[in-house]
C-alpha cells in the first residue's frame, strides 16, 4: 500500500513538473509569435494591397501575420535580418514576386521552394553557397537574382527551370561554367560580372538565344569573336585586361575599355553606307523618270517659277500694247530713258542657280503644283536591362 501510494504521489509530482515545463514552452511559442511591428506596418497588413513592402524594418523573423495575407502577389522583405522563413509562407500561392535581398540566409528556405507560381525571385547579398534540389519546383520562374553570394560552382539545379530567362549571378566565386550550360535554352540575359574567370567560357558561344551578356570585372585577357551569337545586342566586358572589344555584329552595343572609339568608327562607317544608299536611290529615281520621258522633278517653288515667268511676261506685253495705243490716241507718253529697276531673286534647284527678274511673287494667290521627292526610310539602331 505504501509503495503504491508513494508511486501515485510520485506520478502526480512528475505530472506537475511536466506541467511546469510546458508553461515556459508555451510562453516561448507565444513570444515568438508576438513580433513587435514597426510603426505603420499594421496598416499595411490591413490595406488589402496585393503588394507588401516591409523592407529594412530590422525583422529577425517574419511576422506570422504575413502568412495569412493570401491575396499577396508581391512581397518585399529586403534589408532585414532574416535567417529563415516560416513554413506557413508556402500558403501564399498567389505570390509572383519575392524579394529577400540583403538578409542573412545561408540556405534557401524550404517554404520558398513551395511557391510554385513565383516568376521573380531575388536572393542577392545573402550567404548562399548553393541552391536546394527543391528549387526545381519553381517551374514558372523567369527571373532569378543570386548576386553577391558565395557560389563556387554553377548551380545545375537551374537546368530544370524551363522558363528561366534572366539569371543574375554576378559577384560570386565562379571560375568556370559547366560544358552543358547550353541546355538552358530559354536564357536571354546572363550576368557573370565580378567572378573569377581567367578565360572566356567557350560554352557561351553555343548559347545562340543570349541577348545580354555581362562579363565585367573578371580577369579575361582575350575574347573570341561573338559574331556567331545572332541574338546578342548588349555585351559588357569592362575592367578586364584587354585593349578593345571583341568582334561583334554591327547591331551589338558594347561597353568597356576602347568601346567608345570603336562605336564612333562603326557609326561613321554606317553613316557613309546610309548616304551611299540614299544617293543610289536618287539616281535610280532619276533614271526611272528619264526612261518614262517625264519632266524632272524640281524641288520647291522653282518648278512653278517658269510658268509664273511666262504669265508675267505675257502681262507685261499686254501693258506695253495698251501704252502704245494710248500714245497713238494722244494719251500720256512713257519715258523709257531710265531703265526700270527690278528686284532680283536667286532660285536654287537641283544644284543650279537661276536668276529671275520680276516683281515679288505673291505666294498666297499663285497656285502651286510642285512636288517633293521622298527619300528612302532609314532604319534606326537602338539599345536595352536590370532588375524587374
Protein backbone atom coordinates (compact mmCIF):
# COMPACT_ATOMS: atom_id res chain seq x y z
CA UNK A 1 0.00 0.00 0.00
CA UNK A 2 2.71 2.38 0.99
CA UNK A 3 4.64 1.64 -2.16
CA UNK A 4 1.56 2.12 -4.36
CA UNK A 5 0.65 5.37 -2.67
CA UNK A 6 4.22 6.51 -3.00
CA UNK A 7 4.16 5.70 -6.71
CA UNK A 8 0.94 7.61 -7.14
CA UNK A 9 2.35 10.59 -5.31
CA UNK A 10 5.48 10.38 -7.44
CA UNK A 11 3.42 10.21 -10.61
CA UNK A 12 1.39 13.22 -9.59
CA UNK A 13 4.55 15.14 -8.77
CA UNK A 14 6.04 14.21 -12.13
CA UNK A 15 2.91 15.39 -13.94
CA UNK A 16 3.11 18.65 -12.03
CA UNK A 17 6.74 19.05 -13.09
CA UNK A 18 5.81 18.28 -16.70
CA UNK A 19 3.09 20.87 -16.47
CA UNK A 20 5.59 23.37 -15.14
CA UNK A 21 7.88 22.61 -18.09
CA UNK A 22 5.05 23.03 -20.60
CA UNK A 23 4.22 26.52 -19.36
CA UNK A 24 7.57 28.09 -20.32
CA UNK A 25 7.43 26.28 -23.67
CA UNK A 26 4.02 27.76 -24.43
CA UNK A 27 5.21 31.17 -23.31
CA UNK A 28 8.20 30.80 -25.60
CA UNK A 29 5.98 29.99 -28.60
CA UNK A 30 3.69 32.91 -27.78
CA UNK A 31 6.73 35.17 -27.50
CA UNK A 32 7.95 34.07 -30.94
CA UNK A 33 4.58 34.90 -32.43
CA UNK A 34 4.46 38.30 -30.81
CA UNK A 35 6.83 40.09 -33.15
CA UNK A 36 6.95 43.78 -32.45
CA UNK A 37 5.78 45.62 -35.54
CA UNK A 38 7.33 48.93 -36.55
CA UNK A 39 5.08 51.93 -36.87
CA UNK A 40 2.83 51.76 -39.90
CA UNK A 41 3.29 48.05 -40.68
CA UNK A 42 -0.04 47.05 -39.16
CA UNK A 43 -1.77 49.48 -41.51
CA UNK A 44 0.00 47.82 -44.44
CA UNK A 45 -1.33 44.43 -43.36
CA UNK A 46 -4.88 45.75 -43.29
CA UNK A 47 -4.72 47.67 -46.57
CA UNK A 48 -5.60 44.73 -48.80
CA UNK A 49 -2.95 45.83 -51.27
CA UNK A 50 -1.52 42.90 -53.31
CA UNK A 51 1.95 44.44 -52.89
CA UNK A 52 3.52 44.40 -49.42
CA UNK A 53 6.87 46.07 -48.84
CA UNK A 54 8.31 45.70 -45.35
CA UNK A 55 11.94 46.06 -46.31
CA UNK A 56 14.56 47.49 -43.93
CA UNK A 57 12.42 47.05 -40.80
CA UNK A 58 15.14 45.08 -38.91
CA UNK A 59 13.00 41.95 -38.66
CA UNK A 60 14.86 38.91 -37.34
CA UNK A 61 11.85 36.74 -38.10
CA UNK A 62 8.88 37.20 -40.35
CA UNK A 63 5.72 38.41 -38.60
CA UNK A 64 3.25 35.45 -38.62
CA UNK A 65 0.54 37.80 -39.83
CA UNK A 66 2.21 37.90 -43.25
CA UNK A 67 1.47 34.20 -43.83
CA UNK A 68 -2.27 34.92 -43.61
CA UNK A 69 -2.29 37.52 -46.41
CA UNK A 70 -3.39 35.13 -49.13
CA UNK A 71 -4.11 37.99 -51.55
CA UNK A 72 -0.45 38.99 -51.85
CA UNK A 73 1.18 38.96 -55.28
CA UNK A 74 4.43 40.77 -54.47
CA UNK A 75 6.31 40.59 -51.16
CA UNK A 76 9.46 42.63 -50.45
CA UNK A 77 11.49 41.65 -47.38
CA UNK A 78 14.84 43.18 -48.34
CA UNK A 79 17.39 44.53 -45.88
CA UNK A 80 16.18 42.74 -42.74
CA UNK A 81 18.00 40.19 -40.56
CA UNK A 82 16.16 37.08 -41.67
CA UNK A 83 17.95 33.73 -41.49
CA UNK A 84 14.92 31.63 -42.33
CA UNK A 85 11.23 31.87 -43.12
CA UNK A 86 8.28 30.06 -41.52
CA UNK A 87 6.74 27.09 -43.32
CA UNK A 88 3.45 28.97 -43.31
CA UNK A 89 4.78 31.21 -46.07
CA UNK A 90 4.05 28.38 -48.53
CA UNK A 91 0.34 29.24 -48.17
CA UNK A 92 0.87 32.38 -50.27
CA UNK A 93 0.35 30.61 -53.57
CA UNK A 94 -0.64 33.86 -55.23
CA UNK A 95 2.88 35.28 -54.92
CA UNK A 96 4.56 36.17 -58.19
CA UNK A 97 7.48 38.22 -56.82
CA UNK A 98 9.51 37.57 -53.66
CA UNK A 99 12.48 39.78 -52.76
CA UNK A 100 14.84 38.60 -49.99
CA UNK A 101 17.94 40.63 -50.85
CA UNK A 102 20.32 41.78 -48.10
CA UNK A 103 19.38 39.30 -45.38
CA UNK A 104 21.46 36.65 -43.59
CA UNK A 105 20.25 33.45 -45.23
CA UNK A 106 22.70 30.60 -45.60
CA UNK A 107 20.14 28.35 -47.29
CA UNK A 108 17.07 28.96 -49.41
CA UNK A 109 14.07 28.42 -47.07
CA UNK A 110 12.02 25.31 -47.86
CA UNK A 111 8.84 27.38 -47.93
CA UNK A 112 10.19 29.44 -50.83
CA UNK A 113 10.57 26.32 -52.97
CA UNK A 114 6.86 25.60 -52.46
CA UNK A 115 5.74 28.89 -54.03
CA UNK A 116 5.09 27.29 -57.39
CA UNK A 117 3.68 30.40 -59.06
CA UNK A 118 6.74 32.58 -58.47
CA UNK A 119 8.06 34.32 -61.57
CA UNK A 120 10.66 36.62 -59.93
CA UNK A 121 12.90 35.61 -57.02
CA UNK A 122 15.60 37.87 -55.59
CA UNK A 123 18.15 36.33 -53.21
CA UNK A 124 21.11 38.66 -53.71
CA UNK A 125 23.51 39.69 -50.93
CA UNK A 126 22.92 36.75 -48.60
CA UNK A 127 25.28 33.91 -47.60
CA UNK A 128 24.27 31.25 -50.10
CA UNK A 129 26.76 28.70 -51.41
CA UNK A 130 24.32 26.50 -53.34
CA UNK A 131 20.67 26.01 -54.22
CA UNK A 132 18.49 23.16 -52.93
CA UNK A 133 17.27 20.46 -55.26
CA UNK A 134 13.70 21.53 -54.47
CA UNK A 135 14.23 24.74 -56.44
CA UNK A 136 13.08 22.73 -59.47
CA UNK A 137 9.53 23.11 -58.10
CA UNK A 138 9.57 26.73 -59.30
CA UNK A 139 8.55 25.81 -62.83
CA UNK A 140 7.19 29.27 -63.61
CA UNK A 141 10.33 31.14 -62.55
CA UNK A 142 11.55 33.61 -65.18
CA UNK A 143 13.96 35.83 -63.26
CA UNK A 144 16.45 34.75 -60.58
CA UNK A 145 18.99 37.02 -58.90
CA UNK A 146 21.60 35.42 -56.65
CA UNK A 147 24.37 38.02 -56.98
CA UNK A 148 26.80 38.80 -54.15
CA UNK A 149 26.75 35.36 -52.54
CA UNK A 150 29.37 32.61 -52.25
CA UNK A 151 28.74 30.30 -55.22
CA UNK A 152 31.91 28.50 -56.27
CA UNK A 153 30.19 26.32 -58.86
CA UNK A 154 27.34 27.00 -61.21
CA UNK A 155 24.08 25.58 -59.75
CA UNK A 156 22.99 22.85 -62.16
CA UNK A 157 19.65 22.72 -60.37
CA UNK A 158 18.69 25.61 -62.63
CA UNK A 159 18.66 23.29 -65.64
CA UNK A 160 15.23 22.09 -64.51
CA UNK A 161 13.66 25.56 -64.80
CA UNK A 162 12.36 25.61 -68.39
CA UNK A 163 11.21 29.26 -68.43
CA UNK A 164 14.17 30.95 -66.75
CA UNK A 165 15.14 33.92 -68.94
CA UNK A 166 17.19 36.19 -66.68
CA UNK A 167 19.96 34.93 -64.39
CA UNK A 168 21.95 37.38 -62.27
CA UNK A 169 24.88 35.54 -60.68
CA UNK A 170 27.50 38.28 -60.57
CA UNK A 171 29.85 38.95 -57.66
CA UNK A 172 30.34 35.30 -56.74
CA UNK A 173 33.36 32.99 -56.96
CA UNK A 174 32.83 31.19 -60.26
CA UNK A 175 35.91 30.21 -62.26
CA UNK A 176 34.29 28.03 -64.92
CA UNK A 177 30.90 27.19 -66.36
CA UNK A 178 29.62 23.64 -66.98
CA UNK A 179 30.10 22.48 -70.60
CA UNK A 180 26.40 21.65 -70.90
CA UNK A 181 25.16 25.12 -69.93
CA UNK A 182 23.74 25.38 -73.43
CA UNK A 183 20.85 23.25 -72.15
CA UNK A 184 19.35 26.42 -70.66
CA UNK A 185 17.77 27.30 -74.00
CA UNK A 186 15.34 29.87 -72.58
CA UNK A 187 18.09 32.04 -71.09
CA UNK A 188 18.16 35.55 -72.60
CA UNK A 189 20.18 37.57 -70.08
CA UNK A 190 23.23 36.30 -68.16
CA UNK A 191 25.20 38.45 -65.71
CA UNK A 192 28.60 36.97 -64.76
CA UNK A 193 30.41 40.13 -63.69
CA UNK A 194 32.70 40.17 -60.66
CA UNK A 195 33.61 36.48 -60.72
CA UNK A 196 36.99 34.81 -61.22
CA UNK A 197 37.05 33.86 -64.91
CA UNK A 198 40.52 33.97 -66.45
CA UNK A 199 39.42 32.67 -69.83
CA UNK A 200 36.20 33.22 -71.73
CA UNK A 201 33.83 30.24 -71.22
CA UNK A 202 33.54 28.71 -74.68
CA UNK A 203 30.18 27.17 -73.88
CA UNK A 204 28.67 30.67 -74.12
CA UNK A 205 29.31 30.61 -77.87
CA UNK A 206 26.72 27.82 -78.14
CA UNK A 207 24.00 29.86 -76.43
CA UNK A 208 22.54 31.43 -79.55
CA UNK A 209 19.49 32.83 -77.75
CA UNK A 210 21.53 35.12 -75.45
CA UNK A 211 20.64 38.78 -75.82
CA UNK A 212 22.57 40.29 -72.88
CA UNK A 213 25.94 39.07 -71.62
CA UNK A 214 27.84 40.85 -68.85
CA UNK A 215 31.45 39.77 -68.17
CA UNK A 216 32.63 42.90 -66.33
CA UNK A 217 35.33 42.73 -63.65
CA UNK A 218 36.90 39.38 -64.43
CA UNK A 219 40.47 38.53 -65.47
CA UNK A 220 39.90 37.66 -69.10
CA UNK A 221 42.76 38.78 -71.36
CA UNK A 222 41.29 37.71 -74.70
CA UNK A 223 37.79 37.41 -76.12
CA UNK A 224 36.80 35.28 -79.11
CA UNK A 225 34.61 36.56 -81.92
CA UNK A 226 31.00 36.85 -80.77
CA UNK A 227 29.54 37.16 -84.25
CA UNK A 228 28.14 33.65 -84.00
CA UNK A 229 25.65 34.83 -81.37
CA UNK A 230 22.83 36.05 -83.62
CA UNK A 231 20.53 37.36 -80.85
CA UNK A 232 23.17 39.29 -78.87
CA UNK A 233 22.53 43.04 -78.63
CA UNK A 234 24.47 44.04 -75.48
CA UNK A 235 27.90 42.83 -74.42
CA UNK A 236 29.79 44.34 -71.46
CA UNK A 237 33.44 43.50 -70.81
CA UNK A 238 34.63 46.47 -68.75
CA UNK A 239 37.53 46.10 -66.27
CA UNK A 240 39.15 43.11 -67.97
CA UNK A 241 42.81 43.18 -69.09
CA UNK A 242 42.00 43.74 -72.78
CA UNK A 243 42.59 46.75 -75.00
CA UNK A 244 39.44 46.63 -77.07
CA UNK A 245 36.18 44.86 -77.75
CA UNK A 246 35.85 41.50 -79.50
CA UNK A 247 34.41 41.13 -82.98
CA UNK A 248 30.65 41.55 -82.82
CA UNK A 249 27.84 42.18 -85.26
CA UNK A 250 27.07 45.79 -86.09
CA UNK A 251 23.80 45.68 -84.14
CA UNK A 252 25.57 44.86 -80.84
CA UNK A 253 26.19 47.59 -78.26
CA UNK A 254 29.49 47.05 -76.45
CA UNK A 255 30.61 48.54 -73.13
CA UNK A 256 34.22 48.54 -71.98
CA UNK A 257 37.76 49.81 -72.49
CA UNK A 258 38.12 51.21 -76.01
CA UNK A 259 34.45 50.68 -76.79
CA UNK A 260 33.66 54.38 -77.28
CA UNK A 261 36.21 54.83 -80.06
CA UNK A 262 35.10 51.54 -81.61
CA UNK A 263 31.46 52.69 -81.65
CA UNK A 264 32.39 56.07 -83.20
CA UNK A 265 34.26 54.39 -86.03
CA UNK A 266 31.41 51.97 -86.58
CA UNK A 267 28.82 54.77 -86.59
CA UNK A 268 30.84 56.76 -89.14
CA UNK A 269 31.06 53.71 -91.38
CA UNK A 270 27.32 53.11 -91.11
CA UNK A 271 26.63 56.78 -91.89
CA UNK A 272 28.70 56.52 -95.09
CA UNK A 273 26.71 53.48 -96.08
CA UNK A 274 23.43 55.29 -95.45
CA UNK A 275 24.47 58.25 -97.61
CA UNK A 276 25.61 55.94 -100.40
CA UNK A 277 22.26 54.17 -100.27
CA UNK A 278 20.41 57.50 -100.47
CA UNK A 279 22.44 58.65 -103.47
CA UNK A 280 21.90 55.33 -105.20
CA UNK A 281 18.15 55.59 -104.60
CA UNK A 282 18.05 59.15 -106.01
CA UNK A 283 19.95 58.09 -109.11
CA UNK A 284 17.59 55.19 -109.59
CA UNK A 285 14.57 57.51 -109.36
CA UNK A 286 16.12 59.93 -111.85
CA UNK A 287 16.85 57.08 -114.25
CA UNK A 288 13.28 55.82 -113.99
CA UNK A 289 11.92 59.30 -114.66
CA UNK A 290 14.18 59.67 -117.73
CA UNK A 291 13.08 56.35 -119.18
CA UNK A 292 9.43 57.32 -118.72
CA UNK A 293 10.03 60.65 -120.51
CA UNK A 294 8.78 62.65 -117.55
CA UNK A 295 9.86 66.16 -116.71
CA UNK A 296 12.49 66.04 -113.92
CA UNK A 297 11.08 66.94 -110.54
CA UNK A 298 12.41 70.27 -109.27
CA UNK A 299 12.15 70.80 -105.51
CA UNK A 300 10.24 73.69 -104.02
CA UNK A 301 8.82 76.69 -105.81
CA UNK A 302 11.32 76.55 -108.67
CA UNK A 303 9.26 74.17 -110.79
CA UNK A 304 6.42 76.66 -110.84
CA UNK A 305 8.66 79.68 -111.41
CA UNK A 306 8.91 79.15 -115.19
CA UNK A 307 5.13 79.19 -115.52
CA UNK A 308 4.94 82.32 -113.36
CA UNK A 309 7.60 83.96 -115.50
CA UNK A 310 5.67 83.25 -118.72
CA UNK A 311 2.46 84.62 -117.20
CA UNK A 312 4.18 87.82 -116.05
CA UNK A 313 5.90 88.32 -119.42
CA UNK A 314 2.53 87.97 -121.10
CA UNK A 315 1.05 90.54 -118.74
CA UNK A 316 3.98 92.90 -119.48
CA UNK A 317 3.44 92.61 -123.25
CA UNK A 318 -0.22 93.40 -122.79
CA UNK A 319 0.52 96.53 -120.79
CA UNK A 320 3.02 97.77 -123.42
CA UNK A 321 0.46 97.31 -126.19
CA UNK A 322 -2.07 99.33 -124.19
CA UNK A 323 0.51 102.16 -123.69
CA UNK A 324 1.34 102.24 -127.39
CA UNK A 325 -2.36 102.54 -128.20
CA UNK A 326 -2.67 105.39 -125.71
CA UNK A 327 0.28 107.17 -127.40
CA UNK A 328 -1.33 106.86 -130.77
CA UNK A 329 -4.56 108.28 -129.36
CA UNK A 330 -2.70 111.26 -127.91
CA UNK A 331 -2.54 109.85 -124.47
CA UNK A 332 0.36 110.12 -121.99
CA UNK A 333 3.76 109.00 -123.24
CA UNK A 334 6.02 106.59 -121.32
CA UNK A 335 9.57 107.78 -120.57
CA UNK A 336 11.96 104.86 -121.38
CA UNK A 337 15.20 106.80 -120.87
CA UNK A 338 15.62 105.36 -117.35
CA UNK A 339 15.74 101.59 -117.23
CA UNK A 340 13.23 100.29 -114.70
CA UNK A 341 14.77 98.60 -111.65
CA UNK A 342 13.63 95.05 -110.95
CA UNK A 343 14.24 93.04 -107.81
CA UNK A 344 16.49 90.05 -108.45
CA UNK A 345 15.75 86.74 -106.73
CA UNK A 346 18.10 83.80 -106.79
CA UNK A 347 16.33 80.45 -107.05
CA UNK A 348 18.04 77.15 -106.50
CA UNK A 349 17.04 73.76 -107.87
CA UNK A 350 18.99 70.55 -108.21
CA UNK A 351 22.30 72.32 -107.70
CA UNK A 352 21.82 75.00 -110.46
CA UNK A 353 21.42 78.73 -109.77
CA UNK A 354 18.96 80.75 -111.80
CA UNK A 355 18.08 84.44 -111.82
CA UNK A 356 14.56 85.71 -112.23
CA UNK A 357 13.67 89.36 -112.77
CA UNK A 358 10.23 90.46 -111.81
CA UNK A 359 8.02 91.68 -109.03
CA UNK A 360 7.94 89.78 -105.77
CA UNK A 361 5.86 86.62 -106.14
CA UNK A 362 2.54 86.51 -104.36
CA UNK A 363 2.59 83.01 -102.86
CA UNK A 364 -0.93 83.27 -101.48
CA UNK A 365 -2.53 83.92 -104.85
CA UNK A 366 -0.39 81.72 -107.12
CA UNK A 367 -1.45 78.08 -107.37
CA UNK A 368 1.38 75.67 -106.59
CA UNK A 369 1.84 72.42 -108.46
CA UNK A 370 5.33 71.45 -107.34
CA UNK A 371 6.19 68.04 -105.95
CA UNK A 372 8.58 66.79 -103.29
CA UNK A 373 10.64 63.64 -103.55
CA UNK A 374 10.63 61.35 -100.58
CA UNK A 375 13.94 59.87 -99.51
CA UNK A 376 14.35 56.20 -98.51
CA UNK A 377 13.37 55.27 -94.99
CA UNK A 378 16.26 54.72 -92.60
CA UNK A 379 16.45 52.03 -90.02
CA UNK A 380 17.30 53.19 -86.54
CA UNK A 381 19.90 51.50 -84.43
CA UNK A 382 18.76 51.34 -80.79
CA UNK A 383 19.78 49.85 -77.49
CA UNK A 384 18.28 47.84 -73.91
CA UNK A 385 18.38 45.94 -68.78
CA UNK A 386 18.23 45.49 -64.87
CA UNK A 387 16.14 44.38 -62.25
CA UNK A 388 12.40 43.71 -62.88
